[in-house]
Amino acid sequence: IDDLRNRAALAITSDGKFVYAALPIMDTLLVLRTSEQGKRLTVVSEASLGGCKEPTDLKFAGREEELLLLSDFGSQLIAAFSRELTTGSLSELGHYACPAPCCLETMCWPP
């Protein structure tokens, strides 16, 4: 996929089955499935970035990586998506104001 070289944010699940790529030039968050031991990528679905202008980071949250968080420096938001674990598809949960988000770090609570 040629547009991946222009990506602003990229995340890979810990099991290596899915890759998520935020492509601001297309206003798209791509969901890709890996195969052939990570040598092949297939587009599973696309989600809108919802107006995010400058995605800076993608991070998984939750014990099973059931959430995907996207920081967006341009719109000063953090977008949250729920992730279907078997298909990798995303559903938008909402956008949350955050001044100058850059890098995200997640933690499990309670520890």
C-alpha atoms as a PDB file:
ATOM      1  CA  ILE A   1       0.000   0.000   0.000  1.00  0.00           C
ATOM      2  CA  ASP A   2       1.797   3.088  -1.255  1.00  0.00           C
ATOM      3  CA  ASP A   3       0.218   5.499   1.239  1.00  0.00           C
ATOM      4  CA  LEU A   4       1.826   3.688   4.205  1.00  0.00           C
ATOM      5  CA  ARG A   5       5.129   5.432   3.494  1.00  0.00           C
ATOM      6  CA  ASN A   6       3.335   8.745   4.214  1.00  0.00           C
ATOM      7  CA  ARG A   7       1.726   7.476   7.411  1.00  0.00           C
ATOM      8  CA  ALA A   8       1.646   9.602  10.492  1.00  0.00           C
ATOM      9  CA  ALA A   9       0.989   6.854  13.044  1.00  0.00           C
ATOM     10  CA  LEU A  10       1.306   3.073  13.013  1.00  0.00           C
ATOM     11  CA  ALA A  11       0.529   0.305  15.547  1.00  0.00           C
ATOM     12  CA  ILE A  12       0.853  -3.488  15.470  1.00  0.00           C
ATOM     13  CA  THR A  13      -1.011  -5.812  17.829  1.00  0.00           C
ATOM     14  CA  SER A  14       1.150  -7.791  20.243  1.00  0.00           C
ATOM     15  CA  ASP A  15       0.210 -11.049  18.486  1.00  0.00           C
ATOM     16  CA  GLY A  16       1.268  -9.546  15.140  1.00  0.00           C
ATOM     17  CA  LYS A  17      -2.084 -10.290  13.459  1.00  0.00           C
ATOM     18  CA  PHE A  18      -3.218  -6.701  12.802  1.00  0.00           C
ATOM     19  CA  VAL A  19      -1.610  -3.428  11.747  1.00  0.00           C
ATOM     20  CA  TYR A  20      -3.332  -0.057  12.156  1.00  0.00           C
ATOM     21  CA  ALA A  21      -2.225   2.929  10.079  1.00  0.00           C
ATOM     22  CA  ALA A  22      -3.499   6.502  10.479  1.00  0.00           C
ATOM     23  CA  LEU A  23      -3.383   8.218   7.075  1.00  0.00           C
ATOM     24  CA  PRO A  24      -4.282  11.897   7.501  1.00  0.00           C
ATOM     25  CA  ILE A  25      -3.965  12.614   3.779  1.00  0.00           C
ATOM     26  CA  MET A  26      -6.924  10.230   3.262  1.00  0.00           C
ATOM     27  CA  ASP A  27      -8.713  10.954   6.591  1.00  0.00           C
ATOM     28  CA  THR A  28      -8.536   7.202   7.140  1.00  0.00           C
ATOM     29  CA  LEU A  29      -7.508   4.745   9.804  1.00  0.00           C
ATOM     30  CA  LEU A  30      -6.683   1.519   7.955  1.00  0.00           C
ATOM     31  CA  VAL A  31      -7.030  -1.897   9.558  1.00  0.00           C
ATOM     32  CA  LEU A  32      -4.749  -4.471   7.955  1.00  0.00           C
ATOM     33  CA  ARG A  33      -4.453  -8.203   8.642  1.00  0.00           C
ATOM     34  CA  THR A  34      -1.054  -9.842   8.378  1.00  0.00           C
ATOM     35  CA  SER A  35      -0.444 -13.221   6.775  1.00  0.00           C
ATOM     36  CA  GLU A  36       2.475 -15.333   5.593  1.00  0.00           C
ATOM     37  CA  GLN A  37       4.289 -14.622   8.867  1.00  0.00           C
ATOM     38  CA  GLY A  38       3.864 -10.873   8.467  1.00  0.00           C
ATOM     39  CA  LYS A  39       5.041 -10.705   4.839  1.00  0.00           C
ATOM     40  CA  ARG A  40       1.615  -9.851   3.416  1.00  0.00           C
ATOM     41  CA  LEU A  41      -0.874  -7.156   4.456  1.00  0.00           C
ATOM     42  CA  THR A  42      -4.554  -7.219   3.504  1.00  0.00           C
ATOM     43  CA  VAL A  43      -6.956  -4.335   4.128  1.00  0.00           C
ATOM     44  CA  VAL A  44      -9.702  -5.521   6.483  1.00  0.00           C
ATOM     45  CA  SER A  45     -11.561  -2.258   6.971  1.00  0.00           C
ATOM     46  CA  GLU A  46     -11.261   1.498   7.084  1.00  0.00           C
ATOM     47  CA  ALA A  47     -12.441   3.966   9.704  1.00  0.00           C
ATOM     48  CA  SER A  48     -12.632   7.729   9.443  1.00  0.00           C
ATOM     49  CA  LEU A  49     -10.136   9.722  11.454  1.00  0.00           C
ATOM     50  CA  GLY A  50     -13.075  11.990  12.245  1.00  0.00           C
ATOM     51  CA  GLY A  51     -11.297  15.159  11.262  1.00  0.00           C
ATOM     52  CA  CYS A  52      -7.990  14.425  12.975  1.00  0.00           C
ATOM     53  CA  LYS A  53      -5.377  16.518  11.184  1.00  0.00           C
ATOM     54  CA  GLU A  54      -1.997  15.440  12.542  1.00  0.00           C
ATOM     55  CA  PRO A  55      -2.080  11.962  14.083  1.00  0.00           C
ATOM     56  CA  THR A  56       1.019  11.554  16.202  1.00  0.00           C
ATOM     57  CA  ASP A  57       0.591   8.219  17.956  1.00  0.00           C
ATOM     58  CA  LEU A  58      -1.534   5.072  18.108  1.00  0.00           C
ATOM     59  CA  LYS A  59      -1.596   2.916  21.236  1.00  0.00           C
ATOM     60  CA  PHE A  60      -3.588  -0.090  22.382  1.00  0.00           C
ATOM     61  CA  ALA A  61      -5.220  -0.094  25.802  1.00  0.00           C
ATOM     62  CA  GLY A  62      -6.867  -2.794  27.850  1.00  0.00           C
ATOM     63  CA  ARG A  63      -5.666  -6.217  28.866  1.00  0.00           C
ATOM     64  CA  GLU A  64      -6.643  -7.688  25.485  1.00  0.00           C
ATOM     65  CA  GLU A  65      -5.827  -4.572  23.439  1.00  0.00           C
ATOM     66  CA  GLU A  66      -9.571  -4.016  23.026  1.00  0.00           C
ATOM     67  CA  LEU A  67      -9.155  -0.240  22.749  1.00  0.00           C
ATOM     68  CA  LEU A  68      -7.133   1.814  20.273  1.00  0.00           C
ATOM     69  CA  LEU A  69      -6.209   5.387  21.162  1.00  0.00           C
ATOM     70  CA  LEU A  70      -5.088   7.990  18.626  1.00  0.00           C
ATOM     71  CA  SER A  71      -3.418  11.242  19.635  1.00  0.00           C
ATOM     72  CA  ASP A  72      -3.866  14.166  17.266  1.00  0.00           C
ATOM     73  CA  PHE A  73      -1.632  17.182  17.731  1.00  0.00           C
ATOM     74  CA  GLY A  74      -3.380  19.272  15.045  1.00  0.00           C
ATOM     75  CA  SER A  75      -6.867  19.165  16.540  1.00  0.00           C
ATOM     76  CA  GLN A  76      -5.657  18.680  20.139  1.00  0.00           C
ATOM     77  CA  LEU A  77      -7.760  15.569  20.620  1.00  0.00           C
ATOM     78  CA  ILE A  78      -7.420  11.962  21.638  1.00  0.00           C
ATOM     79  CA  ALA A  79      -9.753   9.677  19.698  1.00  0.00           C
ATOM     80  CA  ALA A  80     -10.821   6.355  21.217  1.00  0.00           C
ATOM     81  CA  PHE A  81     -11.939   3.276  19.278  1.00  0.00           C
ATOM     82  CA  SER A  82     -13.160  -0.104  20.484  1.00  0.00           C
ATOM     83  CA  ARG A  83     -11.481  -2.990  18.677  1.00  0.00           C
ATOM     84  CA  GLU A  84     -13.163  -6.267  17.751  1.00  0.00           C
ATOM     85  CA  LEU A  85     -10.524  -8.823  18.674  1.00  0.00           C
ATOM     86  CA  THR A  86     -11.148 -11.485  16.024  1.00  0.00           C
ATOM     87  CA  THR A  87     -11.700  -9.245  12.982  1.00  0.00           C
ATOM     88  CA  GLY A  88      -9.653  -6.226  14.073  1.00  0.00           C
ATOM     89  CA  SER A  89     -12.436  -3.840  13.015  1.00  0.00           C
ATOM     90  CA  LEU A  90     -12.925  -0.561  14.875  1.00  0.00           C
ATOM     91  CA  SER A  91     -15.882   1.389  16.256  1.00  0.00           C
ATOM     92  CA  GLU A  92     -15.412   4.999  17.286  1.00  0.00           C
ATOM     93  CA  LEU A  93     -16.125   5.707  20.943  1.00  0.00           C
ATOM     94  CA  GLY A  94     -15.433   9.440  20.990  1.00  0.00           C
ATOM     95  CA  HIS A  95     -12.965  12.314  20.889  1.00  0.00           C
ATOM     96  CA  TYR A  96     -11.547  13.905  24.009  1.00  0.00           C
ATOM     97  CA  ALA A  97      -9.867  17.299  24.322  1.00  0.00           C
ATOM     98  CA  CYS A  98      -6.199  17.206  25.255  1.00  0.00           C
ATOM     99  CA  PRO A  99      -3.820  20.146  24.809  1.00  0.00           C
ATOM    100  CA  ALA A 100      -0.902  19.248  22.503  1.00  0.00           C
ATOM    101  CA  PRO A 101      -1.080  15.438  22.670  1.00  0.00           C
ATOM    102  CA  CYS A 102       2.032  13.868  21.249  1.00  0.00           C
ATOM    103  CA  CYS A 103       2.915  10.431  22.597  1.00  0.00           C
ATOM    104  CA  LEU A 104       0.560   8.127  24.456  1.00  0.00           C
ATOM    105  CA  GLU A 105       1.357   5.660  27.179  1.00  0.00           C
ATOM    106  CA  THR A 106      -1.285   3.292  28.510  1.00  0.00           C
ATOM    107  CA  MET A 107      -1.500   1.401  31.770  1.00  0.00           C
ATOM    108  CA  CYS A 108      -3.852  -1.126  33.294  1.00  0.00           C
ATOM    109  CA  TRP A 109      -5.878   0.038  36.277  1.00  0.00           C
ATOM    110  CA  PRO A 110      -6.056  -1.217  38.903  1.00  0.00           C
ATOM    111  CA  PRO A 111      -2.423  -2.326  38.748  1.00  0.00           C
END
